[in-house]
Amino acid sequence: MTKPWYKNPFHQAFLSIVILYCVLAGVFFMGLAFADDFSYVGYAWNVGTERFILSMDMDFRALRLPMILPTALFLRLFGLGEVQAVLPVFLYSL
């Protein structure tokens, strides 16, 4: 009979690292900082609530679409708030 997955040393080490990461990220994650985060969230809000046309003549935000589009989705689904704006970026860091 095989051992359960949680008795495997590799799985124990991996699970320990994930738990440690989640604790450290929860303690030290800053959320929205007073930097360019607000402009990204504002742009994501505009993308999620208004008509969005993808064109390559956009400014620097065209390079940030992998970050802006999931944030726009979260803002569209759950409303405007700090948790909704930060959660996609937090999940990316996992």
N, C-alpha and C. Protein backbone atom coordinates (compact mmCIF):
# COMPACT_ATOMS: atom_id res chain seq x y z
N MET A 1 0.84 -1.18 0.00
CA MET A 1 0.00 0.00 0.00
C MET A 1 0.89 1.24 0.00
N THR A 2 0.53 2.21 -0.80
CA THR A 2 1.35 3.42 -0.89
C THR A 2 1.05 4.35 0.27
N LYS A 3 2.05 5.19 0.55
CA LYS A 3 1.88 6.16 1.62
C LYS A 3 0.95 7.28 1.17
N PRO A 4 0.22 7.88 2.10
CA PRO A 4 -0.59 9.05 1.73
C PRO A 4 0.31 10.19 1.25
N TRP A 5 -0.25 11.08 0.45
CA TRP A 5 0.56 12.15 -0.17
C TRP A 5 1.21 13.04 0.87
N TYR A 6 0.56 13.24 2.02
CA TYR A 6 1.10 14.16 3.02
C TYR A 6 2.25 13.55 3.83
N LYS A 7 2.52 12.26 3.64
CA LYS A 7 3.66 11.63 4.31
C LYS A 7 4.91 11.61 3.43
N ASN A 8 4.77 12.03 2.20
CA ASN A 8 5.90 12.11 1.29
C ASN A 8 6.77 13.30 1.69
N PRO A 9 8.09 13.11 1.91
CA PRO A 9 8.94 14.22 2.36
C PRO A 9 8.96 15.40 1.37
N PHE A 10 8.91 15.12 0.08
CA PHE A 10 8.89 16.20 -0.89
C PHE A 10 7.63 17.03 -0.74
N HIS A 11 6.49 16.39 -0.58
CA HIS A 11 5.22 17.11 -0.42
C HIS A 11 5.20 17.87 0.89
N GLN A 12 5.78 17.32 1.94
CA GLN A 12 5.85 18.02 3.21
C GLN A 12 6.69 19.28 3.08
N ALA A 13 7.82 19.17 2.41
CA ALA A 13 8.68 20.34 2.22
C ALA A 13 7.99 21.39 1.37
N PHE A 14 7.36 20.97 0.29
CA PHE A 14 6.66 21.91 -0.58
C PHE A 14 5.52 22.60 0.16
N LEU A 15 4.73 21.85 0.90
CA LEU A 15 3.63 22.42 1.65
C LEU A 15 4.14 23.38 2.72
N SER A 16 5.27 23.04 3.36
CA SER A 16 5.86 23.95 4.35
C SER A 16 6.30 25.26 3.71
N ILE A 17 6.88 25.19 2.53
CA ILE A 17 7.32 26.40 1.83
C ILE A 17 6.11 27.26 1.44
N VAL A 18 5.06 26.63 0.96
CA VAL A 18 3.86 27.38 0.57
C VAL A 18 3.22 28.05 1.78
N ILE A 19 3.13 27.34 2.88
CA ILE A 19 2.55 27.92 4.10
C ILE A 19 3.42 29.06 4.60
N LEU A 20 4.73 28.88 4.60
CA LEU A 20 5.64 29.95 5.03
C LEU A 20 5.51 31.17 4.13
N TYR A 21 5.42 30.94 2.82
CA TYR A 21 5.25 32.05 1.90
C TYR A 21 3.95 32.80 2.16
N CYS A 22 2.87 32.07 2.35
CA CYS A 22 1.57 32.72 2.58
C CYS A 22 1.58 33.54 3.87
N VAL A 23 2.22 33.02 4.91
CA VAL A 23 2.32 33.77 6.16
C VAL A 23 3.16 35.03 5.96
N LEU A 24 4.33 34.90 5.34
CA LEU A 24 5.19 36.06 5.13
C LEU A 24 4.55 37.09 4.19
N ALA A 25 3.91 36.61 3.14
CA ALA A 25 3.26 37.54 2.22
C ALA A 25 2.08 38.23 2.89
N GLY A 26 1.36 37.52 3.72
CA GLY A 26 0.25 38.14 4.44
C GLY A 26 0.69 39.18 5.43
N VAL A 27 1.86 38.98 6.03
CA VAL A 27 2.37 39.93 7.00
C VAL A 27 3.01 41.14 6.32
N PHE A 28 3.78 40.92 5.26
CA PHE A 28 4.57 41.99 4.69
C PHE A 28 4.03 42.57 3.38
N PHE A 29 2.93 42.03 2.85
CA PHE A 29 2.39 42.56 1.60
C PHE A 29 1.82 43.94 1.84
N MET A 30 2.25 44.91 1.03
CA MET A 30 1.89 46.31 1.26
C MET A 30 0.53 46.69 0.70
N GLY A 31 0.01 45.96 -0.24
CA GLY A 31 -1.24 46.36 -0.86
C GLY A 31 -0.99 47.48 -1.85
N LEU A 32 -1.93 48.40 -1.94
CA LEU A 32 -1.76 49.54 -2.84
C LEU A 32 -0.80 50.53 -2.21
N ALA A 33 0.31 50.78 -2.87
CA ALA A 33 1.28 51.75 -2.39
C ALA A 33 1.05 53.06 -3.13
N PHE A 34 1.54 54.15 -2.55
CA PHE A 34 1.38 55.45 -3.19
C PHE A 34 2.44 55.61 -4.26
N ALA A 35 2.28 54.86 -5.32
CA ALA A 35 3.21 54.93 -6.46
C ALA A 35 2.37 54.84 -7.72
N ASP A 36 2.83 54.11 -8.69
CA ASP A 36 2.07 53.99 -9.94
C ASP A 36 0.93 52.98 -9.83
N ASP A 37 0.78 52.34 -8.68
CA ASP A 37 -0.31 51.37 -8.49
C ASP A 37 -1.68 52.01 -8.73
N PHE A 38 -1.84 53.25 -8.28
CA PHE A 38 -3.13 53.90 -8.43
C PHE A 38 -3.46 54.16 -9.90
N SER A 39 -2.47 54.48 -10.69
CA SER A 39 -2.76 54.70 -12.11
C SER A 39 -3.13 53.39 -12.79
N TYR A 40 -2.51 52.28 -12.40
CA TYR A 40 -2.87 50.99 -12.97
C TYR A 40 -4.30 50.59 -12.57
N VAL A 41 -4.63 50.81 -11.31
CA VAL A 41 -5.98 50.47 -10.85
C VAL A 41 -7.02 51.36 -11.53
N GLY A 42 -6.70 52.64 -11.69
CA GLY A 42 -7.62 53.53 -12.41
C GLY A 42 -7.82 53.10 -13.84
N TYR A 43 -6.75 52.70 -14.47
CA TYR A 43 -6.85 52.23 -15.86
C TYR A 43 -7.62 50.91 -15.92
N ALA A 44 -7.37 50.02 -14.96
CA ALA A 44 -8.10 48.76 -14.92
C ALA A 44 -9.59 49.01 -14.68
N TRP A 45 -9.91 49.99 -13.86
CA TRP A 45 -11.32 50.33 -13.64
C TRP A 45 -11.96 50.82 -14.93
N ASN A 46 -11.24 51.66 -15.68
CA ASN A 46 -11.76 52.14 -16.96
C ASN A 46 -11.94 50.99 -17.95
N VAL A 47 -11.00 50.07 -17.96
CA VAL A 47 -11.09 48.92 -18.87
C VAL A 47 -12.29 48.06 -18.49
N GLY A 48 -12.52 47.86 -17.21
CA GLY A 48 -13.59 46.99 -16.77
C GLY A 48 -14.97 47.59 -16.86
N THR A 49 -15.08 48.90 -16.84
CA THR A 49 -16.40 49.52 -16.81
C THR A 49 -16.77 50.21 -18.11
N GLU A 50 -15.83 50.44 -18.97
CA GLU A 50 -16.10 51.13 -20.22
C GLU A 50 -15.71 50.23 -21.39
N ARG A 51 -15.94 50.70 -22.57
CA ARG A 51 -15.57 49.95 -23.77
C ARG A 51 -14.06 49.96 -23.92
N PHE A 52 -13.48 48.81 -24.11
CA PHE A 52 -12.03 48.69 -24.20
C PHE A 52 -11.65 48.27 -25.61
N ILE A 53 -10.84 49.09 -26.24
CA ILE A 53 -10.35 48.80 -27.59
C ILE A 53 -8.84 48.60 -27.49
N LEU A 54 -8.40 47.43 -27.85
CA LEU A 54 -6.97 47.13 -27.80
C LEU A 54 -6.30 47.67 -29.05
N SER A 55 -5.38 48.57 -28.86
CA SER A 55 -4.61 49.10 -29.99
C SER A 55 -3.16 49.20 -29.56
N MET A 56 -2.27 49.08 -30.48
CA MET A 56 -0.85 49.09 -30.16
C MET A 56 -0.30 50.51 -30.03
N ASP A 57 -1.13 51.53 -30.26
CA ASP A 57 -0.64 52.88 -30.06
C ASP A 57 -0.91 53.38 -28.64
N MET A 58 -1.23 52.43 -27.75
CA MET A 58 -1.41 52.80 -26.35
C MET A 58 -0.05 53.14 -25.75
N ASP A 59 -0.06 53.75 -24.60
CA ASP A 59 1.20 54.11 -23.96
C ASP A 59 1.77 52.91 -23.18
N PHE A 60 2.46 53.16 -22.12
CA PHE A 60 3.15 52.11 -21.37
C PHE A 60 2.20 51.03 -20.87
N ARG A 61 0.92 51.34 -20.73
CA ARG A 61 -0.02 50.37 -20.18
C ARG A 61 -0.22 49.17 -21.10
N ALA A 62 0.12 49.30 -22.36
CA ALA A 62 0.01 48.16 -23.27
C ALA A 62 0.95 47.04 -22.85
N LEU A 63 2.04 47.39 -22.21
CA LEU A 63 2.99 46.38 -21.73
C LEU A 63 2.52 45.73 -20.43
N ARG A 64 1.58 46.35 -19.77
CA ARG A 64 1.10 45.87 -18.47
C ARG A 64 -0.24 45.14 -18.57
N LEU A 65 -0.68 44.79 -19.75
CA LEU A 65 -1.99 44.14 -19.90
C LEU A 65 -2.12 42.84 -19.12
N PRO A 66 -1.07 42.01 -18.99
CA PRO A 66 -1.23 40.81 -18.16
C PRO A 66 -1.53 41.12 -16.70
N MET A 67 -1.22 42.32 -16.26
CA MET A 67 -1.56 42.72 -14.90
C MET A 67 -2.87 43.49 -14.86
N ILE A 68 -3.12 44.31 -15.87
CA ILE A 68 -4.29 45.19 -15.86
C ILE A 68 -5.58 44.42 -16.15
N LEU A 69 -5.57 43.49 -17.08
CA LEU A 69 -6.80 42.80 -17.45
C LEU A 69 -7.37 41.93 -16.33
N PRO A 70 -6.55 41.13 -15.61
CA PRO A 70 -7.14 40.39 -14.47
C PRO A 70 -7.64 41.33 -13.37
N THR A 71 -6.94 42.44 -13.16
CA THR A 71 -7.41 43.41 -12.18
C THR A 71 -8.74 44.00 -12.61
N ALA A 72 -8.87 44.30 -13.90
CA ALA A 72 -10.14 44.81 -14.41
C ALA A 72 -11.25 43.80 -14.22
N LEU A 73 -10.96 42.53 -14.43
CA LEU A 73 -11.96 41.49 -14.24
C LEU A 73 -12.40 41.42 -12.78
N PHE A 74 -11.45 41.45 -11.85
CA PHE A 74 -11.79 41.40 -10.43
C PHE A 74 -12.60 42.63 -10.03
N LEU A 75 -12.23 43.80 -10.54
CA LEU A 75 -12.97 45.02 -10.22
C LEU A 75 -14.38 44.96 -10.81
N ARG A 76 -14.51 44.41 -11.98
CA ARG A 76 -15.82 44.29 -12.63
C ARG A 76 -16.71 43.31 -11.87
N LEU A 77 -16.14 42.19 -11.41
CA LEU A 77 -16.93 41.17 -10.73
C LEU A 77 -17.28 41.54 -9.29
N PHE A 78 -16.32 42.14 -8.58
CA PHE A 78 -16.49 42.34 -7.14
C PHE A 78 -16.59 43.79 -6.72
N GLY A 79 -16.53 44.73 -7.65
CA GLY A 79 -16.65 46.14 -7.30
C GLY A 79 -15.29 46.76 -6.99
N LEU A 80 -15.31 48.06 -6.78
CA LEU A 80 -14.08 48.80 -6.54
C LEU A 80 -13.68 48.69 -5.07
N GLY A 81 -12.47 48.29 -4.83
CA GLY A 81 -11.96 48.16 -3.47
C GLY A 81 -10.50 47.77 -3.49
N GLU A 82 -9.84 47.96 -2.36
CA GLU A 82 -8.41 47.66 -2.30
C GLU A 82 -8.13 46.17 -2.42
N VAL A 83 -8.93 45.35 -1.77
CA VAL A 83 -8.71 43.90 -1.83
C VAL A 83 -8.88 43.40 -3.26
N GLN A 84 -9.91 43.88 -3.95
CA GLN A 84 -10.15 43.46 -5.32
C GLN A 84 -9.02 43.91 -6.24
N ALA A 85 -8.45 45.07 -5.97
CA ALA A 85 -7.38 45.59 -6.81
C ALA A 85 -6.05 44.88 -6.56
N VAL A 86 -5.85 44.41 -5.35
CA VAL A 86 -4.56 43.82 -4.97
C VAL A 86 -4.55 42.31 -5.16
N LEU A 87 -5.71 41.68 -5.10
CA LEU A 87 -5.76 40.21 -5.13
C LEU A 87 -5.15 39.58 -6.38
N PRO A 88 -5.39 40.08 -7.60
CA PRO A 88 -4.73 39.45 -8.75
C PRO A 88 -3.20 39.52 -8.69
N VAL A 89 -2.68 40.65 -8.24
CA VAL A 89 -1.22 40.80 -8.12
C VAL A 89 -0.69 39.86 -7.04
N PHE A 90 -1.42 39.75 -5.94
CA PHE A 90 -1.02 38.84 -4.87
C PHE A 90 -1.03 37.40 -5.37
N LEU A 91 -2.04 37.03 -6.15
CA LEU A 91 -2.10 35.68 -6.68
C LEU A 91 -0.99 35.41 -7.70
N TYR A 92 -0.62 36.45 -8.47
CA TYR A 92 0.52 36.30 -9.39
C TYR A 92 1.79 35.96 -8.62
N SER A 93 1.94 36.54 -7.44
CA SER A 93 3.19 36.35 -6.71
C SER A 93 3.31 34.95 -6.12
N LEU A 94 2.20 34.21 -6.07
CA LEU A 94 2.28 32.83 -5.58
C LEU A 94 3.02 32.00 -6.59
